[in-house]
PDB file of all heavy atoms in Angstrom:
ATOM      1  N   LEU A   1       0.821  -1.220   0.001  1.00  0.00           N
ATOM      2  CA  LEU A   1      -0.010  -0.007   0.011  1.00  0.00           C
ATOM      3  C   LEU A   1       0.868   1.269   0.007  1.00  0.00           C
ATOM      4  O   LEU A   1       0.582   2.233  -0.711  1.00  0.00           O
ATOM      5  CB  LEU A   1      -0.917   0.007   1.221  1.00  0.00           C
ATOM      6  CG  LEU A   1      -2.157  -0.872   1.169  1.00  0.00           C
ATOM      7  CD1 LEU A   1      -2.846  -0.942   2.504  1.00  0.00           C
ATOM      8  CD2 LEU A   1      -3.105  -0.340   0.083  1.00  0.00           C
ATOM      9  N   THR A   2       1.910   1.259   0.827  1.00  0.00           N
ATOM     10  CA  THR A   2       2.793   2.398   0.896  1.00  0.00           C
ATOM     11  C   THR A   2       3.448   2.635  -0.448  1.00  0.00           C
ATOM     12  O   THR A   2       3.514   3.784  -0.940  1.00  0.00           O
ATOM     13  CB  THR A   2       3.879   2.212   1.974  1.00  0.00           C
ATOM     14  OG1 THR A   2       3.204   2.036   3.228  1.00  0.00           O
ATOM     15  CG2 THR A   2       4.820   3.372   2.045  1.00  0.00           C
ATOM     16  N   SER A   3       3.918   1.604  -1.087  1.00  0.00           N
ATOM     17  CA  SER A   3       4.591   1.725  -2.399  1.00  0.00           C
ATOM     18  C   SER A   3       3.644   2.214  -3.467  1.00  0.00           C
ATOM     19  O   SER A   3       3.990   3.102  -4.251  1.00  0.00           O
ATOM     20  CB  SER A   3       5.172   0.344  -2.788  1.00  0.00           C
ATOM     21  OG  SER A   3       5.680   0.390  -4.080  1.00  0.00           O
ATOM     22  N   LYS A   4       2.408   1.661  -3.536  1.00  0.00           N
ATOM     23  CA  LYS A   4       1.470   2.025  -4.575  1.00  0.00           C
ATOM     24  C   LYS A   4       0.693   3.298  -4.334  1.00  0.00           C
ATOM     25  O   LYS A   4       0.358   4.013  -5.270  1.00  0.00           O
ATOM     26  CB  LYS A   4       0.498   0.881  -4.812  1.00  0.00           C
ATOM     27  CG  LYS A   4       1.091  -0.343  -5.468  1.00  0.00           C
ATOM     28  CD  LYS A   4       0.049  -1.347  -5.776  1.00  0.00           C
ATOM     29  CE  LYS A   4       0.662  -2.526  -6.575  1.00  0.00           C
ATOM     30  NZ  LYS A   4      -0.357  -3.484  -6.993  1.00  0.00           N
ATOM     31  N   HIS A   5       0.331   3.548  -3.054  1.00  0.00           N
ATOM     32  CA  HIS A   5      -0.597   4.646  -2.769  1.00  0.00           C
ATOM     33  C   HIS A   5      -0.104   5.648  -1.744  1.00  0.00           C
ATOM     34  O   HIS A   5      -0.810   6.619  -1.437  1.00  0.00           O
ATOM     35  CB  HIS A   5      -1.926   4.074  -2.325  1.00  0.00           C
ATOM     36  CG  HIS A   5      -2.518   3.145  -3.271  1.00  0.00           C
ATOM     37  ND1 HIS A   5      -3.074   3.528  -4.490  1.00  0.00           N
ATOM     38  CD2 HIS A   5      -2.652   1.765  -3.231  1.00  0.00           C
ATOM     39  CE1 HIS A   5      -3.517   2.448  -5.131  1.00  0.00           C
ATOM     40  NE2 HIS A   5      -3.277   1.370  -4.412  1.00  0.00           N
ATOM     41  N   GLY A   6       1.076   5.394  -1.140  1.00  0.00           N
ATOM     42  CA  GLY A   6       1.634   6.341  -0.176  1.00  0.00           C
ATOM     43  C   GLY A   6       1.374   5.899   1.256  1.00  0.00           C
ATOM     44  O   GLY A   6       0.492   5.089   1.546  1.00  0.00           O
ATOM     45  N   ALA A   7       2.125   6.515   2.153  1.00  0.00           N
ATOM     46  CA  ALA A   7       2.072   6.198   3.566  1.00  0.00           C
ATOM     47  C   ALA A   7       0.684   6.548   4.146  1.00  0.00           C
ATOM     48  O   ALA A   7       0.176   5.848   5.048  1.00  0.00           O
ATOM     49  CB  ALA A   7       3.141   6.933   4.340  1.00  0.00           C
ATOM     50  N   GLY A   8       0.043   7.576   3.625  1.00  0.00           N
ATOM     51  CA  GLY A   8      -1.289   7.921   4.134  1.00  0.00           C
ATOM     52  C   GLY A   8      -2.301   6.876   3.899  1.00  0.00           C
ATOM     53  O   GLY A   8      -3.165   6.591   4.745  1.00  0.00           O
ATOM     54  N   ALA A   9      -2.271   6.246   2.741  1.00  0.00           N
ATOM     55  CA  ALA A   9      -3.216   5.169   2.401  1.00  0.00           C
ATOM     56  C   ALA A   9      -2.986   3.965   3.325  1.00  0.00           C
ATOM     57  O   ALA A   9      -3.926   3.358   3.839  1.00  0.00           O
ATOM     58  CB  ALA A   9      -3.102   4.756   0.958  1.00  0.00           C
ATOM     59  N   ALA A  10      -1.710   3.633   3.566  1.00  0.00           N
ATOM     60  CA  ALA A  10      -1.394   2.511   4.480  1.00  0.00           C
ATOM     61  C   ALA A  10      -1.858   2.845   5.879  1.00  0.00           C
ATOM     62  O   ALA A  10      -2.422   1.966   6.574  1.00  0.00           O
ATOM     63  CB  ALA A  10       0.106   2.222   4.450  1.00  0.00           C
ATOM     64  N   ARG A  11      -1.679   4.068   6.326  1.00  0.00           N
ATOM     65  CA  ARG A  11      -2.106   4.482   7.653  1.00  0.00           C
ATOM     66  C   ARG A  11      -3.625   4.364   7.778  1.00  0.00           C
ATOM     67  O   ARG A  11      -4.158   3.851   8.755  1.00  0.00           O
ATOM     68  CB  ARG A  11      -1.619   5.872   7.965  1.00  0.00           C
ATOM     69  CG  ARG A  11      -1.810   6.346   9.371  1.00  0.00           C
ATOM     70  CD  ARG A  11      -1.098   7.667   9.705  1.00  0.00           C
ATOM     71  NE  ARG A  11      -0.874   8.546   8.596  1.00  0.00           N
ATOM     72  CZ  ARG A  11       0.265   8.661   7.895  1.00  0.00           C
ATOM     73  NH1 ARG A  11       1.316   7.885   8.175  1.00  0.00           N
ATOM     74  NH2 ARG A  11       0.357   9.495   6.883  1.00  0.00           N
ATOM     75  N   THR A  12      -4.338   4.844   6.768  1.00  0.00           N
ATOM     76  CA  THR A  12      -5.800   4.761   6.773  1.00  0.00           C
ATOM     77  C   THR A  12      -6.263   3.331   6.821  1.00  0.00           C
ATOM     78  O   THR A  12      -7.161   2.975   7.578  1.00  0.00           O
ATOM     79  CB  THR A  12      -6.364   5.472   5.536  1.00  0.00           C
ATOM     80  OG1 THR A  12      -6.006   6.852   5.595  1.00  0.00           O
ATOM     81  CG2 THR A  12      -7.913   5.364   5.488  1.00  0.00           C
ATOM     82  N   TYR A  13      -5.644   2.472   6.010  1.00  0.00           N
ATOM     83  CA  TYR A  13      -5.991   1.029   5.987  1.00  0.00           C
ATOM     84  C   TYR A  13      -5.781   0.430   7.378  1.00  0.00           C
ATOM     85  O   TYR A  13      -6.646  -0.295   7.879  1.00  0.00           O
ATOM     86  CB  TYR A  13      -5.104   0.340   4.954  1.00  0.00           C
ATOM     87  CG  TYR A  13      -5.397  -1.107   4.765  1.00  0.00           C
ATOM     88  CD1 TYR A  13      -6.425  -1.545   3.962  1.00  0.00           C
ATOM     89  CD2 TYR A  13      -4.618  -2.084   5.397  1.00  0.00           C
ATOM     90  CE1 TYR A  13      -6.706  -2.913   3.761  1.00  0.00           C
ATOM     91  CE2 TYR A  13      -4.852  -3.439   5.185  1.00  0.00           C
ATOM     92  CZ  TYR A  13      -5.901  -3.839   4.376  1.00  0.00           C
ATOM     93  OH  TYR A  13      -6.143  -5.175   4.194  1.00  0.00           O
ATOM     94  N   GLY A  14      -4.657   0.757   8.035  1.00  0.00           N
ATOM     95  CA  GLY A  14      -4.389   0.265   9.363  1.00  0.00           C
ATOM     96  C   GLY A  14      -5.372   0.759  10.374  1.00  0.00           C
ATOM     97  O   GLY A  14      -5.869   0.009  11.210  1.00  0.00           O
ATOM     98  N   GLN A  15      -5.699   2.065  10.303  1.00  0.00           N
ATOM     99  CA  GLN A  15      -6.649   2.635  11.275  1.00  0.00           C
ATOM    100  C   GLN A  15      -8.030   2.030  11.126  1.00  0.00           C
ATOM    101  O   GLN A  15      -8.676   1.732  12.125  1.00  0.00           O
ATOM    102  CB  GLN A  15      -6.701   4.154  11.067  1.00  0.00           C
ATOM    103  CG  GLN A  15      -5.475   4.869  11.533  1.00  0.00           C
ATOM    104  CD  GLN A  15      -5.477   6.333  11.126  1.00  0.00           C
ATOM    105  OE1 GLN A  15      -6.200   6.781  10.255  1.00  0.00           O
ATOM    106  NE2 GLN A  15      -4.569   7.105  11.757  1.00  0.00           N
ATOM    107  N   VAL A  16      -8.482   1.823   9.907  1.00  0.00           N
ATOM    108  CA  VAL A  16      -9.780   1.260   9.662  1.00  0.00           C
ATOM    109  C   VAL A  16      -9.844  -0.175  10.193  1.00  0.00           C
ATOM    110  O   VAL A  16     -10.807  -0.604  10.818  1.00  0.00           O
ATOM    111  CB  VAL A  16     -10.168   1.360   8.188  1.00  0.00           C
ATOM    112  CG1 VAL A  16     -11.385   0.514   7.855  1.00  0.00           C
ATOM    113  CG2 VAL A  16     -10.364   2.800   7.760  1.00  0.00           C
ATOM    114  N   ASN A  17      -8.787  -0.958   9.901  1.00  0.00           N
ATOM    115  CA  ASN A  17      -8.766  -2.321  10.374  1.00  0.00           C
ATOM    116  C   ASN A  17      -8.704  -2.386  11.912  1.00  0.00           C
ATOM    117  O   ASN A  17      -9.355  -3.220  12.509  1.00  0.00           O
ATOM    118  CB  ASN A  17      -7.601  -3.072   9.762  1.00  0.00           C
ATOM    119  CG  ASN A  17      -7.949  -3.605   8.380  1.00  0.00           C
ATOM    120  OD1 ASN A  17      -8.604  -4.601   8.240  1.00  0.00           O
ATOM    121  ND2 ASN A  17      -7.534  -2.893   7.353  1.00  0.00           N
ATOM    122  N   GLU A  18      -7.879  -1.540  12.514  1.00  0.00           N
ATOM    123  CA  GLU A  18      -7.830  -1.517  13.992  1.00  0.00           C
ATOM    124  C   GLU A  18      -9.165  -1.092  14.576  1.00  0.00           C
ATOM    125  O   GLU A  18      -9.597  -1.649  15.598  1.00  0.00           O
ATOM    126  CB  GLU A  18      -6.706  -0.589  14.456  1.00  0.00           C
ATOM    127  CG  GLU A  18      -5.326  -1.147  14.239  1.00  0.00           C
ATOM    128  CD  GLU A  18      -5.030  -2.357  15.105  1.00  0.00           C
ATOM    129  OE1 GLU A  18      -5.041  -2.210  16.362  1.00  0.00           O
ATOM    130  OE2 GLU A  18      -4.813  -3.467  14.557  1.00  0.00           O
ATOM    131  N   ALA A  19      -9.840  -0.114  13.973  1.00  0.00           N
ATOM    132  CA  ALA A  19     -11.159   0.300  14.439  1.00  0.00           C
ATOM    133  C   ALA A  19     -12.170  -0.865  14.328  1.00  0.00           C
ATOM    134  O   ALA A  19     -13.004  -1.047  15.224  1.00  0.00           O
ATOM    135  CB  ALA A  19     -11.635   1.528  13.674  1.00  0.00           C
ATOM    136  N   ALA A  20     -12.084  -1.595  13.255  1.00  0.00           N
ATOM    137  CA  ALA A  20     -12.958  -2.760  13.080  1.00  0.00           C
ATOM    138  C   ALA A  20     -12.722  -3.787  14.173  1.00  0.00           C
ATOM    139  O   ALA A  20     -13.669  -4.378  14.734  1.00  0.00           O
ATOM    140  CB  ALA A  20     -12.790  -3.381  11.718  1.00  0.00           C
ATOM    141  N   LEU A  21     -11.475  -4.074  14.519  1.00  0.00           N
ATOM    142  CA  LEU A  21     -11.152  -5.032  15.558  1.00  0.00           C
ATOM    143  C   LEU A  21     -11.703  -4.540  16.903  1.00  0.00           C
ATOM    144  O   LEU A  21     -12.297  -5.318  17.669  1.00  0.00           O
ATOM    145  CB  LEU A  21      -9.641  -5.210  15.679  1.00  0.00           C
ATOM    146  CG  LEU A  21      -8.980  -5.917  14.516  1.00  0.00           C
ATOM    147  CD1 LEU A  21      -7.467  -5.891  14.664  1.00  0.00           C
ATOM    148  CD2 LEU A  21      -9.496  -7.363  14.386  1.00  0.00           C
ATOM    149  N   ALA A  22     -11.556  -3.269  17.181  1.00  0.00           N
ATOM    150  CA  ALA A  22     -12.073  -2.689  18.439  1.00  0.00           C
ATOM    151  C   ALA A  22     -13.609  -2.769  18.445  1.00  0.00           C
ATOM    152  O   ALA A  22     -14.202  -3.117  19.493  1.00  0.00           O
ATOM    153  CB  ALA A  22     -11.617  -1.263  18.614  1.00  0.00           C
ATOM    154  N   TRP A  23     -14.242  -2.511  17.335  1.00  0.00           N
ATOM    155  CA  TRP A  23     -15.675  -2.608  17.204  1.00  0.00           C
ATOM    156  C   TRP A  23     -16.179  -4.044  17.492  1.00  0.00           C
ATOM    157  O   TRP A  23     -17.130  -4.217  18.202  1.00  0.00           O
ATOM    158  CB  TRP A  23     -16.126  -2.119  15.838  1.00  0.00           C
ATOM    159  CG  TRP A  23     -17.611  -2.164  15.668  1.00  0.00           C
ATOM    160  CD1 TRP A  23     -18.517  -1.179  16.016  1.00  0.00           C
ATOM    161  CD2 TRP A  23     -18.400  -3.211  15.080  1.00  0.00           C
ATOM    162  NE1 TRP A  23     -19.813  -1.562  15.681  1.00  0.00           N
ATOM    163  CE2 TRP A  23     -19.746  -2.807  15.119  1.00  0.00           C
ATOM    164  CE3 TRP A  23     -18.064  -4.466  14.543  1.00  0.00           C
ATOM    165  CZ2 TRP A  23     -20.772  -3.617  14.626  1.00  0.00           C
ATOM    166  CZ3 TRP A  23     -19.097  -5.282  14.052  1.00  0.00           C
ATOM    167  CH2 TRP A  23     -20.400  -4.841  14.098  1.00  0.00           C
ATOM    168  N   ILE A  24     -15.519  -5.005  16.908  1.00  0.00           N
ATOM    169  CA  ILE A  24     -15.881  -6.403  17.101  1.00  0.00           C
ATOM    170  C   ILE A  24     -15.744  -6.754  18.596  1.00  0.00           C
ATOM    171  O   ILE A  24     -16.670  -7.364  19.177  1.00  0.00           O
ATOM    172  CB  ILE A  24     -15.025  -7.333  16.238  1.00  0.00           C
ATOM    173  CG1 ILE A  24     -15.360  -7.165  14.763  1.00  0.00           C
ATOM    174  CG2 ILE A  24     -15.151  -8.790  16.679  1.00  0.00           C
ATOM    175  CD1 ILE A  24     -14.391  -7.808  13.814  1.00  0.00           C
ATOM    176  N   ALA A  25     -14.663  -6.393  19.201  1.00  0.00           N
ATOM    177  CA  ALA A  25     -14.439  -6.717  20.639  1.00  0.00           C
ATOM    178  C   ALA A  25     -15.538  -6.045  21.486  1.00  0.00           C
ATOM    179  O   ALA A  25     -16.069  -6.645  22.405  1.00  0.00           O
ATOM    180  CB  ALA A  25     -13.074  -6.289  21.072  1.00  0.00           C
ATOM    181  N   GLU A  26     -15.883  -4.833  21.149  1.00  0.00           N
ATOM    182  CA  GLU A  26     -16.908  -4.094  21.893  1.00  0.00           C
ATOM    183  C   GLU A  26     -18.254  -4.783  21.706  1.00  0.00           C
ATOM    184  O   GLU A  26     -19.002  -4.896  22.677  1.00  0.00           O
ATOM    185  CB  GLU A  26     -16.950  -2.625  21.403  1.00  0.00           C
ATOM    186  CG  GLU A  26     -17.870  -1.739  22.248  1.00  0.00           C
ATOM    187  CD  GLU A  26     -19.309  -1.773  21.774  1.00  0.00           C
ATOM    188  OE1 GLU A  26     -19.573  -1.914  20.579  1.00  0.00           O
ATOM    189  OE2 GLU A  26     -20.218  -1.705  22.632  1.00  0.00           O
ATOM    190  N   ARG A  27     -18.588  -5.207  20.529  1.00  0.00           N
ATOM    191  CA  ARG A  27     -19.864  -5.862  20.278  1.00  0.00           C
ATOM    192  C   ARG A  27     -19.932  -7.198  20.989  1.00  0.00           C
ATOM    193  O   ARG A  27     -20.991  -7.537  21.544  1.00  0.00           O
ATOM    194  CB  ARG A  27     -20.066  -6.111  18.763  1.00  0.00           C
ATOM    195  CG  ARG A  27     -20.314  -4.888  17.933  1.00  0.00           C
ATOM    196  CD  ARG A  27     -21.512  -4.129  18.358  1.00  0.00           C
ATOM    197  NE  ARG A  27     -22.729  -4.887  18.247  1.00  0.00           N
ATOM    198  CZ  ARG A  27     -23.835  -4.501  17.654  1.00  0.00           C
ATOM    199  NH1 ARG A  27     -23.890  -3.261  17.134  1.00  0.00           N
ATOM    200  NH2 ARG A  27     -24.898  -5.243  17.603  1.00  0.00           N
ATOM    201  N   VAL A  28     -18.870  -7.941  21.001  1.00  0.00           N
ATOM    202  CA  VAL A  28     -18.846  -9.212  21.723  1.00  0.00           C
ATOM    203  C   VAL A  28     -19.139  -9.004  23.198  1.00  0.00           C
ATOM    204  O   VAL A  28     -19.954  -9.673  23.806  1.00  0.00           O
ATOM    205  CB  VAL A  28     -17.513  -9.939  21.504  1.00  0.00           C
ATOM    206  CG1 VAL A  28     -17.309 -11.083  22.485  1.00  0.00           C
ATOM    207  CG2 VAL A  28     -17.371 -10.431  20.079  1.00  0.00           C
ATOM    208  N   GLU A  29     -18.465  -7.983  23.780  1.00  0.00           N
ATOM    209  CA  GLU A  29     -18.673  -7.675  25.193  1.00  0.00           C
ATOM    210  C   GLU A  29     -20.089  -7.126  25.431  1.00  0.00           C
ATOM    211  O   GLU A  29     -20.783  -7.600  26.322  1.00  0.00           O
ATOM    212  CB  GLU A  29     -17.633  -6.602  25.621  1.00  0.00           C
ATOM    213  CG  GLU A  29     -17.739  -6.188  27.083  1.00  0.00           C
ATOM    214  CD  GLU A  29     -17.340  -7.295  28.035  1.00  0.00           C
ATOM    215  OE1 GLU A  29     -16.533  -8.147  27.678  1.00  0.00           O
ATOM    216  OE2 GLU A  29     -17.862  -7.279  29.185  1.00  0.00           O
ATOM    217  N   ARG A  30     -20.481  -6.156  24.653  1.00  0.00           N
ATOM    218  CA  ARG A  30     -21.787  -5.515  24.845  1.00  0.00           C
ATOM    219  C   ARG A  30     -22.956  -6.454  24.667  1.00  0.00           C
ATOM    220  O   ARG A  30     -23.900  -6.450  25.427  1.00  0.00           O
ATOM    221  CB  ARG A  30     -21.947  -4.351  23.848  1.00  0.00           C
ATOM    222  CG  ARG A  30     -23.228  -3.523  24.099  1.00  0.00           C
ATOM    223  CD  ARG A  30     -23.426  -2.523  23.049  1.00  0.00           C
ATOM    224  NE  ARG A  30     -24.298  -3.123  22.037  1.00  0.00           N
ATOM    225  CZ  ARG A  30     -24.585  -2.598  20.887  1.00  0.00           C
ATOM    226  NH1 ARG A  30     -24.059  -1.444  20.538  1.00  0.00           N
ATOM    227  NH2 ARG A  30     -25.412  -3.199  20.055  1.00  0.00           N
ATOM    228  N   ASP A  31     -22.876  -7.330  23.654  1.00  0.00           N
ATOM    229  CA  ASP A  31     -23.991  -8.219  23.364  1.00  0.00           C
ATOM    230  C   ASP A  31     -23.874  -9.591  24.056  1.00  0.00           C
ATOM    231  O   ASP A  31     -24.711 -10.446  23.858  1.00  0.00           O
ATOM    232  CB  ASP A  31     -24.118  -8.420  21.875  1.00  0.00           C
ATOM    233  CG  ASP A  31     -24.447  -7.132  21.116  1.00  0.00           C
ATOM    234  OD1 ASP A  31     -24.927  -6.183  21.760  1.00  0.00           O
ATOM    235  OD2 ASP A  31     -24.226  -7.085  19.901  1.00  0.00           O
ATOM    236  N   GLY A  32     -22.788  -9.759  24.836  1.00  0.00           N
ATOM    237  CA  GLY A  32     -22.610 -11.033  25.535  1.00  0.00           C
ATOM    238  C   GLY A  32     -22.497 -12.214  24.609  1.00  0.00           C
ATOM    239  O   GLY A  32     -23.002 -13.293  24.875  1.00  0.00           O
ATOM    240  N   ILE A  33     -21.774 -12.016  23.482  1.00  0.00           N
ATOM    241  CA  ILE A  33     -21.647 -13.072  22.490  1.00  0.00           C
ATOM    242  C   ILE A  33     -20.617 -14.112  22.951  1.00  0.00           C
ATOM    243  O   ILE A  33     -19.485 -13.758  23.248  1.00  0.00           O
ATOM    244  CB  ILE A  33     -21.222 -12.476  21.127  1.00  0.00           C
ATOM    245  CG1 ILE A  33     -22.292 -11.518  20.657  1.00  0.00           C
ATOM    246  CG2 ILE A  33     -20.999 -13.613  20.106  1.00  0.00           C
ATOM    247  CD1 ILE A  33     -21.890 -10.690  19.464  1.00  0.00           C
ATOM    248  N   ASP A  34     -21.036 -15.319  23.066  1.00  0.00           N
ATOM    249  CA  ASP A  34     -20.163 -16.414  23.530  1.00  0.00           C
ATOM    250  C   ASP A  34     -19.416 -17.003  22.336  1.00  0.00           C
ATOM    251  O   ASP A  34     -19.857 -17.975  21.747  1.00  0.00           O
ATOM    252  CB  ASP A  34     -20.987 -17.493  24.232  1.00  0.00           C
ATOM    253  CG  ASP A  34     -20.106 -18.613  24.827  1.00  0.00           C
ATOM    254  OD1 ASP A  34     -18.873 -18.430  24.906  1.00  0.00           O
ATOM    255  OD2 ASP A  34     -20.686 -19.660  25.146  1.00  0.00           O
ATOM    256  N   CYS A  35     -18.316 -16.367  21.956  1.00  0.00           N
ATOM    257  CA  CYS A  35     -17.601 -16.811  20.736  1.00  0.00           C
ATOM    258  C   CYS A  35     -16.128 -17.065  20.995  1.00  0.00           C
ATOM    259  O   CYS A  35     -15.359 -17.284  20.047  1.00  0.00           O
ATOM    260  CB  CYS A  35     -17.776 -15.720  19.646  1.00  0.00           C
ATOM    261  SG  CYS A  35     -17.001 -14.184  20.054  1.00  0.00           S
ATOM    262  N   ASP A  36     -15.710 -17.041  22.265  1.00  0.00           N
ATOM    263  CA  ASP A  36     -14.340 -17.332  22.606  1.00  0.00           C
ATOM    264  C   ASP A  36     -13.366 -16.358  21.928  1.00  0.00           C
ATOM    265  O   ASP A  36     -12.279 -16.779  21.450  1.00  0.00           O
ATOM    266  CB  ASP A  36     -13.961 -18.785  22.285  1.00  0.00           C
ATOM    267  CG  ASP A  36     -12.721 -19.248  22.990  1.00  0.00           C
ATOM    268  OD1 ASP A  36     -12.381 -18.681  24.039  1.00  0.00           O
ATOM    269  OD2 ASP A  36     -12.025 -20.154  22.445  1.00  0.00           O
TER     270      ASP A  36
END
């Protein structure tokens, strides 16, 4: 991503993926999802 689109694109990709991981963890906790 950095090579093709620049460091900003790679940073955005990382931030979006990290936000998605945090969202998933929050939903599991909030909704009491038993998914290990």
